[in-house]
Amino acid sequence: MRAVIVEDEKYSVLNLQKILQEYAPDVEVVAVLSSGREALEKLPTLVFDLVFLDIQFNDDFDAFELLKAWKWDRLQVIFVTSYNDYALKAFKFNAIDYVTKPIDKDDLLLAIDKAKNKIFRKQELELLLRTIDALHKKELVIKGQNETVFLPLGKVLYLNAEKEYSIVHYFDSQNQKRELITSRHLGYWESEFSEYPFQRVHKSYLVNMEHIVSFGGKNIKLSDGTRLEIARDRRKEIELKILAFKTQG
């Protein structure tokens, strides 16, 4: 495989080259480009199979601008990144190959192996960019079985467990109530939404506290009239958390 490295940190370039020489001798580095603008100019003139692409460059020309500006249809790409939390989360949602700095040998070799079998397409870039934008806006990114939806926090009512799956109950752009089946279990979404005001009120329900209009006894009531059961053994704790959220500020 012929590879190009697009990276403006000299140490990262040397580290990557060393690992490739020692552990991936079938990957030949044909060029090292040290800025996004240099890459935009020279990449179309090179013959290569794979690109190791940093996200942020010192010339303020990032990887996504480069990919949008460069005319390509299919590409094998491994992103290299430091501390871009939004990008990392977006990559996770869209299953794009990436490694974090400082580069770990095993992570790199795994990414190379995956890249050999994966072509990065423009549609994937568009989805990745939309995901990053949504995360910046504090929108929820929910990957269903057949589609990914981007929802403002206020549009999601609750999620319920359905065996190993989860069902998301939300309002669409016309405020019509919809359901989305996801292949992730409820515990996964509880972790993903930990920075948002979601509360696990029962082993089967993860609720957006913004939509709770009343609680008491065995149930909570949501803004659309839905009533959900509260776990008996955590009833007092959950009610205190809801009360604290509703009275904050």
Protein backbone atom coordinates (compact mmCIF):
# COMPACT_ATOMS: atom_id res chain seq x y z
CA MET A 1 0.00 0.00 0.00
CA ARG A 2 1.25 3.44 -0.94
CA ALA A 3 0.52 6.02 1.75
CA VAL A 4 0.69 9.77 2.19
CA ILE A 5 1.08 11.41 5.60
CA VAL A 6 -0.56 14.82 6.07
CA GLU A 7 0.75 16.04 9.42
CA ASP A 8 2.34 19.28 10.64
CA GLU A 9 3.89 17.93 13.85
CA LYS A 10 7.38 16.60 13.11
CA TYR A 11 7.45 14.23 16.11
CA SER A 12 4.15 12.66 15.07
CA VAL A 13 5.47 12.13 11.54
CA LEU A 14 8.65 10.46 12.81
CA ASN A 15 6.71 8.27 15.24
CA LEU A 16 4.26 7.20 12.56
CA GLN A 17 7.03 6.44 10.08
CA LYS A 18 8.96 4.41 12.65
CA ILE A 19 5.93 2.26 13.51
CA LEU A 20 5.14 1.71 9.84
CA GLN A 21 8.72 0.72 9.00
CA GLU A 22 8.93 -1.73 11.88
CA TYR A 23 5.46 -3.24 12.03
CA ALA A 24 3.78 -2.50 8.67
CA PRO A 25 6.48 -2.87 6.02
CA ASP A 26 3.83 -3.37 3.33
CA VAL A 27 2.85 0.32 3.75
CA GLU A 28 5.18 2.55 1.73
CA VAL A 29 5.15 6.27 2.57
CA VAL A 30 5.39 8.09 -0.77
CA ALA A 31 5.03 11.64 0.57
CA VAL A 32 4.83 13.69 3.76
CA LEU A 33 2.83 16.93 3.52
CA SER A 34 3.09 19.38 6.38
CA SER A 35 -0.01 21.56 5.99
CA GLY A 36 -3.56 21.42 4.81
CA ARG A 37 -2.93 23.84 1.97
CA GLU A 38 0.11 21.91 0.78
CA ALA A 39 -2.02 18.76 0.80
CA LEU A 40 -4.75 20.47 -1.22
CA GLU A 41 -2.16 21.44 -3.83
CA LYS A 42 -0.11 18.22 -4.02
CA LEU A 43 -2.45 15.31 -3.21
CA PRO A 44 -4.14 15.38 -6.66
CA THR A 45 -0.70 14.90 -8.27
CA LEU A 46 0.25 11.84 -6.20
CA VAL A 47 -0.51 8.16 -6.66
CA PHE A 48 -1.44 6.51 -3.35
CA ASP A 49 -3.83 4.07 -1.70
CA LEU A 50 -4.09 5.43 1.83
CA VAL A 51 -3.75 8.78 3.59
CA PHE A 52 -2.95 9.40 7.26
CA LEU A 53 -4.71 12.69 7.86
CA ASP A 54 -4.34 14.99 10.84
CA ILE A 55 -7.44 16.97 11.77
CA GLN A 56 -6.01 20.34 12.83
CA PHE A 57 -3.15 22.09 11.04
CA ASN A 58 -1.09 25.14 12.01
CA ASP A 59 -2.35 27.01 8.94
CA ASP A 60 -5.93 26.85 10.30
CA PHE A 61 -6.97 24.65 7.38
CA ASP A 62 -8.49 21.55 8.88
CA ALA A 63 -8.99 18.05 7.48
CA PHE A 64 -12.67 18.54 6.78
CA GLU A 65 -12.07 21.68 4.74
CA LEU A 66 -9.44 19.76 2.81
CA LEU A 67 -11.74 16.84 2.06
CA LYS A 68 -14.56 19.15 1.01
CA ALA A 69 -12.28 21.14 -1.32
CA TRP A 70 -10.42 18.19 -2.84
CA LYS A 71 -12.24 16.48 -5.69
CA TRP A 72 -12.46 12.78 -4.83
CA ASP A 73 -15.14 10.13 -4.87
CA ARG A 74 -13.62 7.29 -2.84
CA LEU A 75 -10.67 7.26 -0.47
CA GLN A 76 -8.98 5.08 2.13
CA VAL A 77 -8.30 7.40 5.05
CA ILE A 78 -7.12 7.10 8.65
CA PHE A 79 -7.66 10.25 10.69
CA VAL A 80 -4.99 11.16 13.25
CA THR A 81 -6.16 13.37 16.11
CA SER A 82 -5.20 14.71 19.54
CA TYR A 83 -8.01 16.08 21.69
CA ASN A 84 -10.98 16.85 19.46
CA ASP A 85 -13.80 15.41 21.58
CA TYR A 86 -16.50 16.28 19.04
CA ALA A 87 -14.62 14.60 16.21
CA LEU A 88 -13.88 11.50 18.30
CA LYS A 89 -17.53 11.13 19.21
CA ALA A 90 -18.56 11.70 15.61
CA PHE A 91 -16.09 9.07 14.40
CA LYS A 92 -17.55 6.61 16.87
CA PHE A 93 -21.05 7.20 15.54
CA ASN A 94 -19.97 6.89 11.91
CA ALA A 95 -17.39 4.09 12.27
CA ILE A 96 -14.58 6.01 10.55
CA ASP A 97 -11.04 4.78 11.15
CA TYR A 98 -8.95 7.01 13.39
CA VAL A 99 -6.04 6.86 15.84
CA THR A 100 -5.27 9.24 18.66
CA LYS A 101 -1.94 10.89 19.47
CA PRO A 102 0.47 9.76 20.75
CA ILE A 103 -0.01 6.95 18.27
CA ASP A 104 -0.31 3.48 19.73
CA LYS A 105 1.16 0.70 17.58
CA ASP A 106 -1.72 -1.71 18.08
CA ASP A 107 -4.35 0.96 17.38
CA LEU A 108 -2.52 1.98 14.20
CA LEU A 109 -2.15 -1.57 12.89
CA LEU A 110 -5.83 -2.26 13.57
CA ALA A 111 -6.81 0.91 11.71
CA ILE A 112 -4.60 -0.03 8.75
CA ASP A 113 -6.17 -3.47 8.62
CA LYS A 114 -9.66 -1.94 8.63
CA ALA A 115 -8.68 0.65 6.01
CA LYS A 116 -7.66 -2.11 3.61
CA ASN A 117 -11.28 -3.24 3.56
CA LYS A 118 -13.03 0.12 3.81
CA ILE A 119 -13.46 2.91 1.30
CA PHE A 120 -14.32 6.33 2.73
CA ARG A 121 -16.96 7.94 0.51
CA LYS A 122 -18.23 11.49 0.18
CA GLN A 123 -21.58 10.49 1.71
CA GLU A 124 -19.72 9.38 4.84
CA LEU A 125 -17.91 12.72 5.02
CA GLU A 126 -21.23 14.55 4.79
CA LEU A 127 -22.65 12.43 7.62
CA LEU A 128 -19.49 12.96 9.68
CA LEU A 129 -19.65 16.74 9.21
CA ARG A 130 -23.36 16.78 10.09
CA THR A 131 -22.62 14.76 13.24
CA ILE A 132 -19.83 17.12 14.35
CA ASP A 133 -22.10 20.12 13.74
CA ALA A 134 -24.89 18.50 15.76
CA LEU A 135 -22.58 17.75 18.68
CA HIS A 136 -21.34 21.35 18.70
CA LYS A 137 -24.97 22.48 18.85
CA LYS A 138 -25.64 20.04 21.72
CA GLU A 139 -28.06 18.10 19.56
CA LEU A 140 -28.55 14.39 20.17
CA VAL A 141 -27.16 12.07 17.51
CA ILE A 142 -29.05 8.79 17.46
CA LYS A 143 -28.13 6.01 15.07
CA GLY A 144 -31.07 3.77 14.30
CA GLN A 145 -31.14 0.52 12.36
CA ASN A 146 -31.64 2.25 9.00
CA GLU A 147 -30.94 5.94 9.61
CA THR A 148 -29.20 8.46 11.84
CA VAL A 149 -31.31 11.26 13.26
CA PHE A 150 -30.15 14.58 14.68
CA LEU A 151 -32.48 15.88 17.35
CA PRO A 152 -32.52 19.00 19.52
CA LEU A 153 -32.73 17.95 23.16
CA GLY A 154 -36.32 19.15 23.51
CA LYS A 155 -37.54 16.82 20.76
CA VAL A 156 -36.75 13.60 22.64
CA LEU A 157 -39.33 12.35 25.13
CA TYR A 158 -37.87 9.09 26.39
CA LEU A 159 -36.24 5.79 25.42
CA ASN A 160 -37.49 2.38 26.40
CA ALA A 161 -35.72 -0.97 26.43
CA GLU A 162 -36.93 -3.66 24.06
CA LYS A 163 -34.84 -6.76 24.78
CA GLU A 164 -31.32 -5.94 23.50
CA TYR A 165 -32.63 -2.94 21.53
CA SER A 166 -33.92 0.50 22.48
CA ILE A 167 -36.81 2.53 21.10
CA VAL A 168 -36.49 6.32 20.97
CA HIS A 169 -39.75 8.28 21.29
CA TYR A 170 -39.40 11.78 19.84
CA PHE A 171 -41.10 14.61 17.95
CA ASP A 172 -40.12 15.27 14.34
CA SER A 173 -39.78 18.71 12.74
CA GLN A 174 -43.58 18.86 12.33
CA ASN A 175 -44.04 17.93 16.02
CA GLN A 176 -45.44 14.55 15.07
CA LYS A 177 -44.58 11.79 17.53
CA ARG A 178 -42.19 9.23 16.08
CA GLU A 179 -40.33 6.11 17.14
CA LEU A 180 -36.83 5.01 16.16
CA ILE A 181 -35.48 1.53 16.84
CA THR A 182 -31.78 1.41 17.68
CA SER A 183 -29.56 -1.65 18.02
CA ARG A 184 -27.98 -0.26 21.23
CA HIS A 185 -29.19 -1.26 24.67
CA LEU A 186 -30.56 1.31 27.10
CA GLY A 187 -27.38 1.34 29.23
CA TYR A 188 -25.40 2.51 26.20
CA TRP A 189 -27.70 5.50 25.67
CA GLU A 190 -27.68 6.30 29.39
CA SER A 191 -23.90 6.66 29.12
CA GLU A 192 -24.04 8.59 25.83
CA PHE A 193 -26.57 11.08 27.23
CA SER A 194 -24.87 11.49 30.61
CA GLU A 195 -24.16 15.19 29.91
CA TYR A 196 -27.83 15.82 29.16
CA PRO A 197 -30.78 15.87 31.59
CA PHE A 198 -31.81 12.25 31.12
CA GLN A 199 -32.83 10.11 34.10
CA ARG A 200 -33.13 6.33 34.26
CA VAL A 201 -36.44 6.06 36.13
CA HIS A 202 -36.81 2.32 35.63
CA LYS A 203 -34.75 -0.50 34.16
CA SER A 204 -36.85 -0.07 31.01
CA TYR A 205 -37.07 3.73 30.74
CA LEU A 206 -34.60 6.58 30.18
CA VAL A 207 -36.49 9.87 30.36
CA ASN A 208 -35.77 13.42 29.25
CA MET A 209 -36.47 15.35 32.45
CA GLU A 210 -37.41 18.43 30.43
CA HIS A 211 -40.62 16.62 29.49
CA ILE A 212 -41.63 15.49 32.98
CA VAL A 213 -44.69 17.48 34.03
CA SER A 214 -45.57 15.62 37.23
CA PHE A 215 -44.52 12.71 39.39
CA GLY A 216 -45.85 10.90 42.40
CA GLY A 217 -46.75 7.45 43.59
CA LYS A 218 -45.67 4.85 41.08
CA ASN A 219 -45.54 7.01 37.94
CA ILE A 220 -44.25 10.07 36.17
CA LYS A 221 -46.25 11.93 33.55
CA LEU A 222 -44.67 13.39 30.41
CA SER A 223 -45.69 16.43 28.38
CA ASP A 224 -47.49 14.31 25.77
CA GLY A 225 -49.56 12.55 28.43
CA THR A 226 -47.48 9.37 28.56
CA ARG A 227 -47.23 7.79 32.02
CA LEU A 228 -44.19 5.68 32.93
CA GLU A 229 -43.52 3.55 35.99
CA ILE A 230 -40.80 4.55 38.48
CA ALA A 231 -38.57 1.82 39.89
CA ARG A 232 -39.89 0.93 43.33
CA ASP A 233 -36.49 0.55 45.04
CA ARG A 234 -35.18 3.93 43.75
CA ARG A 235 -38.40 5.93 43.89
CA LYS A 236 -37.28 8.46 46.51
CA GLU A 237 -33.86 8.96 44.90
CA ILE A 238 -35.37 9.49 41.44
CA GLU A 239 -38.01 11.91 42.73
CA LEU A 240 -35.29 13.98 44.45
CA LYS A 241 -33.27 14.15 41.21
CA ILE A 242 -36.30 15.24 39.23
CA LEU A 243 -37.18 17.85 41.84
CA ALA A 244 -33.60 19.15 41.87
CA PHE A 245 -33.63 19.49 38.07
CA LYS A 246 -37.02 21.22 37.99
CA THR A 247 -36.07 23.74 40.66
CA GLN A 248 -32.48 24.49 39.59
CA GLY A 249 -31.55 28.05 38.75
